[in-house]
Amino acid sequence: MSLSWSSGLGAVPLLSSGGVYGVDIFFALVARPALRRVDDASLTQVLGHLHAVADARMPLFGATALLTTGGLFFVAGGWPTLAGRLALLAPVGLLTQLAAYGLVAQPVNKRQTAAAIHRHTPPDARALQDRWDSVIGLRAGALTLAVAALIGVALHLPR
C-alpha cells in the first residue's frame, strides 16, 4: 500500500473525529462555565438554537468518524499490529461519546430546541442544562481517547 493511500485513510477518521472532539472540548472548557453566568431565558435561546444547528450538522462528522475508523483496523494490519489494536480502541471512545450523547444530551437538546423555537423558557431550564453538563466531561474524555488512538494509528501505519 502506498504511503499516500494509507495516510489518506488515517486522515479521514482523525479529521472527522477531530471535528466532534473540538466541539465537545470547547463546550467542556469554555461554553459550560460561561453559560452558568447567563439567565435561564438566554441559556434556553442560545443553546436551543445552537443545538438545532449542531444536531443537523454534526452527525455527518460522527458517522464518518465511526465508519472510517472501523475500516482503518484492516488497513492498519489488524490485531497483530499496534496500529490495528489502536484502531480498535478509537471506536470505543467514539461509541462512548455517542452513547452519552444519545442517552443524556440529545433529549436535552430536543427540549431546549423546542423551547427556543417557541420562545419559551422551561421552568427547569437550569436543571436541563445541568443534566447536559453531567456528561460533557465523559464525552470530551472519550473523544480524547479516540483522537489519541487515531494519532497513534497514523504514527504506526505501514509505510
C-alpha atoms as a PDB file:
ATOM      1  CA  MET A   1       0.000   0.000   0.000  1.00  0.00           C
ATOM      2  CA  SER A   2       1.396   3.399  -0.904  1.00  0.00           C
ATOM      3  CA  LEU A   3       2.202   5.935   1.784  1.00  0.00           C
ATOM      4  CA  SER A   4      -0.290   8.458   0.392  1.00  0.00           C
ATOM      5  CA  TRP A   5      -3.116   5.892   0.348  1.00  0.00           C
ATOM      6  CA  SER A   6      -2.591   4.762   3.948  1.00  0.00           C
ATOM      7  CA  SER A   7      -2.029   8.355   5.123  1.00  0.00           C
ATOM      8  CA  GLY A   8      -5.295   9.414   3.484  1.00  0.00           C
ATOM      9  CA  LEU A   9      -7.165   6.601   5.192  1.00  0.00           C
ATOM     10  CA  GLY A  10      -5.688   7.666   8.503  1.00  0.00           C
ATOM     11  CA  ALA A  11      -6.503  11.339   7.953  1.00  0.00           C
ATOM     12  CA  VAL A  12     -10.251  10.981   7.335  1.00  0.00           C
ATOM     13  CA  PRO A  13     -11.159   9.381  10.689  1.00  0.00           C
ATOM     14  CA  LEU A  14      -8.770  11.707  12.510  1.00  0.00           C
ATOM     15  CA  LEU A  15     -10.230  14.844  10.927  1.00  0.00           C
ATOM     16  CA  SER A  16     -13.851  13.790  11.340  1.00  0.00           C
ATOM     17  CA  SER A  17     -13.275  12.701  14.958  1.00  0.00           C
ATOM     18  CA  GLY A  18     -11.358  15.913  15.498  1.00  0.00           C
ATOM     19  CA  GLY A  19     -14.381  17.955  14.470  1.00  0.00           C
ATOM     20  CA  VAL A  20     -16.550  16.335  17.128  1.00  0.00           C
ATOM     21  CA  TYR A  21     -13.688  16.437  19.630  1.00  0.00           C
ATOM     22  CA  GLY A  22     -13.209  20.178  19.143  1.00  0.00           C
ATOM     23  CA  VAL A  23     -16.881  20.922  19.746  1.00  0.00           C
ATOM     24  CA  ASP A  24     -17.076  18.836  22.926  1.00  0.00           C
ATOM     25  CA  ILE A  25     -13.784  20.189  24.292  1.00  0.00           C
ATOM     26  CA  PHE A  26     -14.996  23.746  23.617  1.00  0.00           C
ATOM     27  CA  PHE A  27     -18.240  23.099  25.491  1.00  0.00           C
ATOM     28  CA  ALA A  28     -16.492  21.345  28.377  1.00  0.00           C
ATOM     29  CA  LEU A  29     -13.859  24.039  28.884  1.00  0.00           C
ATOM     30  CA  VAL A  30     -15.396  27.298  27.595  1.00  0.00           C
ATOM     31  CA  ALA A  31     -19.136  27.278  26.960  1.00  0.00           C
ATOM     32  CA  ARG A  32     -20.193  25.347  30.065  1.00  0.00           C
ATOM     33  CA  PRO A  33     -18.640  27.751  32.598  1.00  0.00           C
ATOM     34  CA  ALA A  34     -19.635  30.803  30.540  1.00  0.00           C
ATOM     35  CA  LEU A  35     -23.257  29.700  30.258  1.00  0.00           C
ATOM     36  CA  ARG A  36     -23.519  29.399  34.042  1.00  0.00           C
ATOM     37  CA  ARG A  37     -23.361  33.216  34.099  1.00  0.00           C
ATOM     38  CA  VAL A  38     -26.441  33.867  31.935  1.00  0.00           C
ATOM     39  CA  ASP A  39     -30.110  33.923  32.850  1.00  0.00           C
ATOM     40  CA  ASP A  40     -32.385  30.976  32.051  1.00  0.00           C
ATOM     41  CA  ALA A  41     -34.081  32.669  29.086  1.00  0.00           C
ATOM     42  CA  SER A  42     -30.739  33.477  27.424  1.00  0.00           C
ATOM     43  CA  LEU A  43     -29.458  29.993  28.173  1.00  0.00           C
ATOM     44  CA  THR A  44     -32.504  28.435  26.528  1.00  0.00           C
ATOM     45  CA  GLN A  45     -32.398  30.676  23.464  1.00  0.00           C
ATOM     46  CA  VAL A  46     -28.675  30.322  22.797  1.00  0.00           C
ATOM     47  CA  LEU A  47     -28.420  26.596  23.422  1.00  0.00           C
ATOM     48  CA  GLY A  48     -31.719  25.753  21.778  1.00  0.00           C
ATOM     49  CA  HIS A  49     -30.637  27.377  18.530  1.00  0.00           C
ATOM     50  CA  LEU A  50     -27.085  26.017  18.764  1.00  0.00           C
ATOM     51  CA  HIS A  51     -28.423  22.504  19.246  1.00  0.00           C
ATOM     52  CA  ALA A  52     -30.824  22.882  16.324  1.00  0.00           C
ATOM     53  CA  VAL A  53     -27.911  23.634  14.014  1.00  0.00           C
ATOM     54  CA  ALA A  54     -25.434  21.207  15.583  1.00  0.00           C
ATOM     55  CA  ASP A  55     -27.863  18.279  15.708  1.00  0.00           C
ATOM     56  CA  ALA A  56     -28.448  18.742  11.986  1.00  0.00           C
ATOM     57  CA  ARG A  57     -24.762  19.002  11.019  1.00  0.00           C
ATOM     58  CA  MET A  58     -22.645  17.041  13.481  1.00  0.00           C
ATOM     59  CA  PRO A  59     -23.978  13.546  12.677  1.00  0.00           C
ATOM     60  CA  LEU A  60     -22.074  13.689   9.369  1.00  0.00           C
ATOM     61  CA  PHE A  61     -18.812  14.062  11.294  1.00  0.00           C
ATOM     62  CA  GLY A  62     -19.673  11.327  13.783  1.00  0.00           C
ATOM     63  CA  ALA A  63     -20.854   8.843  11.174  1.00  0.00           C
ATOM     64  CA  THR A  64     -17.795   9.483   9.011  1.00  0.00           C
ATOM     65  CA  ALA A  65     -15.537   9.018  12.033  1.00  0.00           C
ATOM     66  CA  LEU A  66     -17.157   5.709  13.003  1.00  0.00           C
ATOM     67  CA  LEU A  67     -17.256   4.256   9.509  1.00  0.00           C
ATOM     68  CA  THR A  68     -13.736   5.203   8.530  1.00  0.00           C
ATOM     69  CA  THR A  69     -12.268   4.238  11.900  1.00  0.00           C
ATOM     70  CA  GLY A  70     -13.812   0.798  11.535  1.00  0.00           C
ATOM     71  CA  GLY A  71     -12.149   0.336   8.147  1.00  0.00           C
ATOM     72  CA  LEU A  72      -8.860   1.619   9.484  1.00  0.00           C
ATOM     73  CA  PHE A  73      -8.467  -1.547  11.568  1.00  0.00           C
ATOM     74  CA  PHE A  74      -7.918  -3.587   8.400  1.00  0.00           C
ATOM     75  CA  VAL A  75      -5.680  -1.019   6.724  1.00  0.00           C
ATOM     76  CA  ALA A  76      -3.557  -0.881   9.877  1.00  0.00           C
ATOM     77  CA  GLY A  77      -2.832  -4.607   9.731  1.00  0.00           C
ATOM     78  CA  GLY A  78      -5.445  -5.971  12.098  1.00  0.00           C
ATOM     79  CA  TRP A  79      -4.975  -7.351  15.602  1.00  0.00           C
ATOM     80  CA  PRO A  80      -1.310  -8.435  15.253  1.00  0.00           C
ATOM     81  CA  THR A  81      -0.135  -4.833  14.846  1.00  0.00           C
ATOM     82  CA  LEU A  82      -0.030  -1.970  17.325  1.00  0.00           C
ATOM     83  CA  ALA A  83      -1.754   0.240  14.755  1.00  0.00           C
ATOM     84  CA  GLY A  84      -4.546  -2.330  14.395  1.00  0.00           C
ATOM     85  CA  ARG A  85      -5.108  -2.533  18.130  1.00  0.00           C
ATOM     86  CA  LEU A  86      -5.134   1.272  18.407  1.00  0.00           C
ATOM     87  CA  ALA A  87      -7.645   1.349  15.550  1.00  0.00           C
ATOM     88  CA  LEU A  88      -9.932  -0.817  17.696  1.00  0.00           C
ATOM     89  CA  LEU A  89      -9.513   1.489  20.677  1.00  0.00           C
ATOM     90  CA  ALA A  90     -10.688   4.576  18.770  1.00  0.00           C
ATOM     91  CA  PRO A  91     -14.263   3.315  18.201  1.00  0.00           C
ATOM     92  CA  VAL A  92     -14.531   2.587  21.935  1.00  0.00           C
ATOM     93  CA  GLY A  93     -14.097   6.310  22.570  1.00  0.00           C
ATOM     94  CA  LEU A  94     -16.382   7.277  19.698  1.00  0.00           C
ATOM     95  CA  LEU A  95     -19.140   4.903  20.792  1.00  0.00           C
ATOM     96  CA  THR A  96     -18.843   6.004  24.430  1.00  0.00           C
ATOM     97  CA  GLN A  97     -19.295   9.619  23.349  1.00  0.00           C
ATOM     98  CA  LEU A  98     -22.217   8.658  21.127  1.00  0.00           C
ATOM     99  CA  ALA A  99     -23.926   6.713  23.921  1.00  0.00           C
ATOM    100  CA  ALA A 100     -23.598   9.624  26.367  1.00  0.00           C
ATOM    101  CA  TYR A 101     -24.905  11.978  23.700  1.00  0.00           C
ATOM    102  CA  GLY A 102     -27.840   9.756  22.734  1.00  0.00           C
ATOM    103  CA  LEU A 103     -28.921   8.821  26.244  1.00  0.00           C
ATOM    104  CA  VAL A 104     -28.411  12.137  28.049  1.00  0.00           C
ATOM    105  CA  ALA A 105     -27.534  15.105  25.836  1.00  0.00           C
ATOM    106  CA  GLN A 106     -29.827  14.573  22.849  1.00  0.00           C
ATOM    107  CA  PRO A 107     -33.079  14.537  24.852  1.00  0.00           C
ATOM    108  CA  VAL A 108     -31.976  17.800  26.498  1.00  0.00           C
ATOM    109  CA  ASN A 109     -31.074  19.251  23.088  1.00  0.00           C
ATOM    110  CA  LYS A 110     -34.556  18.467  21.780  1.00  0.00           C
ATOM    111  CA  ARG A 111     -36.261  20.160  24.722  1.00  0.00           C
ATOM    112  CA  GLN A 112     -34.034  23.212  24.534  1.00  0.00           C
ATOM    113  CA  THR A 113     -34.507  23.478  20.778  1.00  0.00           C
ATOM    114  CA  ALA A 114     -38.292  23.248  21.033  1.00  0.00           C
ATOM    115  CA  ALA A 115     -38.326  25.824  23.824  1.00  0.00           C
ATOM    116  CA  ALA A 116     -36.123  28.223  21.827  1.00  0.00           C
ATOM    117  CA  ILE A 117     -38.246  27.891  18.694  1.00  0.00           C
ATOM    118  CA  HIS A 118     -41.409  28.637  20.691  1.00  0.00           C
ATOM    119  CA  ARG A 119     -39.660  31.405  22.678  1.00  0.00           C
ATOM    120  CA  HIS A 120     -40.491  29.646  25.917  1.00  0.00           C
ATOM    121  CA  THR A 121     -38.203  29.246  28.919  1.00  0.00           C
ATOM    122  CA  PRO A 122     -38.837  25.922  30.658  1.00  0.00           C
ATOM    123  CA  PRO A 123     -39.188  26.160  34.441  1.00  0.00           C
ATOM    124  CA  ASP A 124     -36.447  23.507  34.689  1.00  0.00           C
ATOM    125  CA  ALA A 125     -34.071  25.244  32.223  1.00  0.00           C
ATOM    126  CA  ARG A 126     -31.120  25.143  34.614  1.00  0.00           C
ATOM    127  CA  ALA A 127     -31.790  21.515  35.590  1.00  0.00           C
ATOM    128  CA  LEU A 128     -31.905  20.588  31.910  1.00  0.00           C
ATOM    129  CA  GLN A 129     -28.529  22.223  31.391  1.00  0.00           C
ATOM    130  CA  ASP A 130     -27.123  20.525  34.474  1.00  0.00           C
ATOM    131  CA  ARG A 131     -28.206  17.183  33.003  1.00  0.00           C
ATOM    132  CA  TRP A 132     -26.479  18.004  29.704  1.00  0.00           C
ATOM    133  CA  ASP A 133     -23.382  19.172  31.593  1.00  0.00           C
ATOM    134  CA  SER A 134     -23.276  15.917  33.566  1.00  0.00           C
ATOM    135  CA  VAL A 135     -21.885  14.021  30.562  1.00  0.00           C
ATOM    136  CA  ILE A 136     -19.786  16.618  28.736  1.00  0.00           C
ATOM    137  CA  GLY A 137     -16.661  15.608  30.674  1.00  0.00           C
ATOM    138  CA  LEU A 138     -17.241  11.956  29.783  1.00  0.00           C
ATOM    139  CA  ARG A 139     -17.876  12.870  26.157  1.00  0.00           C
ATOM    140  CA  ALA A 140     -14.746  15.024  25.924  1.00  0.00           C
ATOM    141  CA  GLY A 141     -12.654  12.355  27.648  1.00  0.00           C
ATOM    142  CA  ALA A 142     -13.952   9.602  25.395  1.00  0.00           C
ATOM    143  CA  LEU A 143     -13.164  11.695  22.334  1.00  0.00           C
ATOM    144  CA  THR A 144      -9.689  12.438  23.688  1.00  0.00           C
ATOM    145  CA  LEU A 145      -9.133   8.674  23.849  1.00  0.00           C
ATOM    146  CA  ALA A 146     -10.413   8.236  20.288  1.00  0.00           C
ATOM    147  CA  VAL A 147      -8.308  11.047  18.826  1.00  0.00           C
ATOM    148  CA  ALA A 148      -5.186   9.921  20.722  1.00  0.00           C
ATOM    149  CA  ALA A 149      -5.690   6.370  19.436  1.00  0.00           C
ATOM    150  CA  LEU A 150      -6.113   7.654  15.888  1.00  0.00           C
ATOM    151  CA  ILE A 151      -2.914   9.694  16.171  1.00  0.00           C
ATOM    152  CA  GLY A 152      -1.219   6.511  17.344  1.00  0.00           C
ATOM    153  CA  VAL A 153      -2.591   4.647  14.330  1.00  0.00           C
ATOM    154  CA  ALA A 154      -1.355   7.362  11.983  1.00  0.00           C
ATOM    155  CA  LEU A 155       2.126   7.174  13.509  1.00  0.00           C
ATOM    156  CA  HIS A 156       2.236   3.379  13.144  1.00  0.00           C
ATOM    157  CA  LEU A 157       0.575   2.804   9.782  1.00  0.00           C
ATOM    158  CA  PRO A 158       2.520   0.531   7.426  1.00  0.00           C
ATOM    159  CA  ARG A 159       4.751   2.516   5.101  1.00  0.00           C
END
